[in-house]
N, C-alpha and C. Protein backbone atom coordinates (compact mmCIF):
# COMPACT_ATOMS: atom_id res chain seq x y z
N MET A 1 103.47 125.27 123.25
CA MET A 1 103.39 124.19 123.13
C MET A 1 104.72 123.59 121.91
N GLN A 2 105.40 122.79 121.91
CA GLN A 2 106.24 122.22 120.81
C GLN A 2 105.55 121.29 120.11
N GLY A 3 106.05 121.81 118.71
CA GLY A 3 105.63 120.73 117.67
C GLY A 3 106.74 120.86 116.62
N LEU A 4 107.41 119.77 116.61
CA LEU A 4 108.57 119.76 115.33
C LEU A 4 108.19 119.85 114.10
N LEU A 5 106.82 119.37 113.68
CA LEU A 5 105.87 119.60 112.67
C LEU A 5 105.92 120.91 112.15
N ARG A 6 105.63 122.00 112.96
CA ARG A 6 105.37 123.33 112.93
C ARG A 6 106.78 124.12 112.96
N SER A 7 107.96 123.57 112.93
CA SER A 7 109.11 124.30 112.87
C SER A 7 109.38 125.27 111.76
N LEU A 8 109.76 126.42 112.10
CA LEU A 8 109.88 127.66 111.37
C LEU A 8 109.14 127.63 110.17
N GLU A 9 107.77 128.03 110.70
CA GLU A 9 106.52 128.36 110.07
C GLU A 9 106.75 129.92 109.90
N ALA A 10 106.16 130.41 108.64
CA ALA A 10 106.04 131.83 108.65
C ALA A 10 105.03 132.31 109.14
N PRO A 11 105.29 133.89 109.56
CA PRO A 11 103.78 134.38 110.28
C PRO A 11 102.49 134.26 109.46
N SER A 12 101.47 133.98 110.29
CA SER A 12 100.36 133.58 109.86
C SER A 12 99.04 134.21 110.95
N ARG A 13 97.90 134.08 110.64
CA ARG A 13 97.05 134.36 111.71
C ARG A 13 97.08 133.52 112.97
N ARG A 14 97.44 132.26 112.91
CA ARG A 14 97.61 131.30 114.08
C ARG A 14 98.90 131.46 114.54
N HIS A 15 100.01 131.91 114.16
CA HIS A 15 101.50 132.27 114.73
C HIS A 15 101.87 133.67 114.15
N LEU A 16 101.35 134.58 114.69
CA LEU A 16 101.54 136.22 114.42
C LEU A 16 102.91 136.37 114.03
N MET A 17 104.12 135.65 114.72
CA MET A 17 105.44 136.05 114.38
C MET A 17 106.08 134.71 113.86
N GLY A 18 105.36 133.69 113.47
CA GLY A 18 105.81 132.43 113.26
C GLY A 18 106.42 131.57 114.43
N THR A 19 107.01 130.51 113.97
CA THR A 19 107.47 129.58 114.95
C THR A 19 108.91 129.64 114.89
N ASP A 20 109.59 128.95 115.99
CA ASP A 20 111.14 128.81 115.83
C ASP A 20 111.47 127.25 115.48
N HIS A 21 112.54 127.19 115.63
CA HIS A 21 113.10 125.60 115.36
C HIS A 21 112.68 124.52 115.71
N LEU A 22 111.84 124.71 117.28
CA LEU A 22 111.21 123.56 117.66
C LEU A 22 109.80 123.69 117.50
N GLY A 23 109.24 124.62 116.95
CA GLY A 23 107.74 124.65 116.63
C GLY A 23 106.83 125.63 117.54
N ARG A 24 107.75 126.11 118.33
CA ARG A 24 107.20 127.08 119.41
C ARG A 24 106.53 128.29 118.87
N ASP A 25 105.44 128.87 119.17
CA ASP A 25 105.16 130.15 119.16
C ASP A 25 105.88 131.15 119.23
N LEU A 26 106.60 132.30 118.49
CA LEU A 26 107.58 133.08 118.88
C LEU A 26 106.82 134.56 119.44
N PHE A 27 105.52 134.67 119.25
CA PHE A 27 104.79 135.82 119.86
C PHE A 27 104.53 135.47 121.39
N SER A 28 104.22 134.18 121.72
CA SER A 28 104.15 134.07 122.97
C SER A 28 105.47 134.20 124.01
N GLU A 29 106.64 133.75 123.34
CA GLU A 29 107.82 133.86 123.84
C GLU A 29 108.30 135.45 123.87
N VAL A 30 107.93 136.10 123.24
CA VAL A 30 108.00 137.88 123.42
C VAL A 30 107.08 138.16 124.79
N GLY A 31 105.95 137.65 124.65
CA GLY A 31 105.08 138.05 125.53
C GLY A 31 105.44 137.61 127.13
N THR A 32 106.05 136.56 127.24
CA THR A 32 106.92 135.95 128.50
C THR A 32 107.88 137.00 128.89
N VAL A 33 108.52 137.13 127.85
CA VAL A 33 110.11 138.15 128.36
C VAL A 33 109.49 139.55 128.85
N ALA A 34 108.32 140.07 127.97
CA ALA A 34 107.89 141.21 128.39
C ALA A 34 107.57 141.15 129.68
N GLY A 35 106.62 140.18 130.15
CA GLY A 35 106.01 139.98 131.49
C GLY A 35 107.15 139.85 132.54
N VAL A 36 108.21 139.29 132.40
CA VAL A 36 109.28 139.24 133.41
C VAL A 36 109.91 140.52 133.45
N VAL A 37 110.08 141.15 132.27
CA VAL A 37 110.61 142.97 132.51
C VAL A 37 109.85 143.63 133.26
N ALA A 38 108.64 143.44 132.77
CA ALA A 38 107.60 144.53 133.35
C ALA A 38 107.61 144.20 135.25
N SER A 39 107.64 142.92 135.41
CA SER A 39 107.63 142.63 136.84
C SER A 39 108.76 142.93 137.59
N TYR A 40 109.98 142.92 136.90
CA TYR A 40 111.24 143.44 137.36
C TYR A 40 111.25 145.07 137.42
N SER A 41 110.92 145.40 136.59
CA SER A 41 111.23 147.05 136.42
C SER A 41 110.19 147.75 137.19
N ARG A 42 108.94 147.17 137.20
CA ARG A 42 107.76 148.14 138.01
C ARG A 42 107.56 149.28 137.41
N GLY A 43 106.97 150.02 137.96
CA GLY A 43 106.53 151.81 137.71
C GLY A 43 105.94 151.64 136.27
N ARG A 44 106.64 152.69 135.37
CA ARG A 44 106.22 152.92 134.30
C ARG A 44 106.22 151.79 133.06
N VAL A 45 107.11 150.94 133.05
CA VAL A 45 107.37 150.10 132.39
C VAL A 45 106.34 148.98 132.44
N ASP A 46 106.01 148.77 133.70
CA ASP A 46 105.02 147.67 134.00
C ASP A 46 103.81 148.33 133.46
N ASP A 47 103.36 149.65 133.97
CA ASP A 47 102.04 150.17 133.06
C ASP A 47 101.94 150.03 131.84
N VAL A 48 103.03 150.52 131.24
CA VAL A 48 102.89 150.26 129.55
C VAL A 48 102.58 148.80 129.31
N VAL A 49 103.17 147.77 129.87
CA VAL A 49 103.32 146.76 129.36
C VAL A 49 101.69 146.05 129.70
N MET A 50 101.14 146.30 130.98
CA MET A 50 100.14 145.76 131.23
C MET A 50 99.01 146.61 130.17
N ARG A 51 99.04 147.80 129.90
CA ARG A 51 98.04 148.24 129.09
C ARG A 51 97.95 147.95 127.78
N VAL A 52 99.15 147.43 127.35
CA VAL A 52 99.29 146.73 125.93
C VAL A 52 98.56 145.40 126.13
N ALA A 53 98.90 144.48 126.90
CA ALA A 53 98.55 143.44 127.21
C ALA A 53 97.14 143.29 127.39
N GLU A 54 96.29 144.46 127.98
CA GLU A 54 95.15 144.62 128.07
C GLU A 54 94.30 144.94 126.79
N THR A 55 95.01 145.74 126.04
CA THR A 55 94.46 146.18 124.66
C THR A 55 94.61 144.83 123.89
N LEU A 56 95.33 143.99 123.87
CA LEU A 56 95.45 142.80 122.93
C LEU A 56 94.59 141.74 123.36
N SER A 57 94.30 141.69 124.63
CA SER A 57 93.14 140.73 125.34
C SER A 57 91.86 141.20 125.11
N SER A 58 91.61 142.69 124.72
CA SER A 58 90.38 143.04 124.32
C SER A 58 89.77 142.96 123.07
N ILE A 59 90.79 142.22 122.21
CA ILE A 59 90.17 142.04 120.83
C ILE A 59 89.55 140.61 120.70
N PRO A 60 88.35 140.50 120.25
CA PRO A 60 87.66 139.18 120.43
C PRO A 60 88.38 138.40 119.55
N ARG A 61 88.40 136.94 120.16
CA ARG A 61 89.29 136.16 119.45
C ARG A 61 88.44 135.69 118.03
N SER A 62 87.30 135.88 117.71
CA SER A 62 86.79 135.38 116.54
C SER A 62 87.49 136.39 115.39
N SER A 63 87.68 137.48 115.62
CA SER A 63 88.23 138.41 114.76
C SER A 63 89.85 137.92 114.36
N LEU A 64 90.20 137.31 115.15
CA LEU A 64 91.88 136.96 114.90
C LEU A 64 91.76 135.40 114.21
N SER A 65 90.92 134.67 114.17
CA SER A 65 91.08 133.64 113.25
C SER A 65 90.80 133.76 111.83
N CYS A 66 90.91 132.38 111.17
CA CYS A 66 90.72 132.44 109.78
C CYS A 66 89.26 132.42 109.18
């Protein structure tokens, strides 16, 4: 989601890698690129990206919030 009021924020618990000049979460954009690369490459690259995604999604949301 875009939000100009949140542009160029520093990394925080809410935005792990900060935000870009349009206020979009950079971590989400990196995840999208990783998903595209994994689906295009398949094989080992797909397996590694999927395991990382599964590991990150297994962390309870409450432990990441303030």
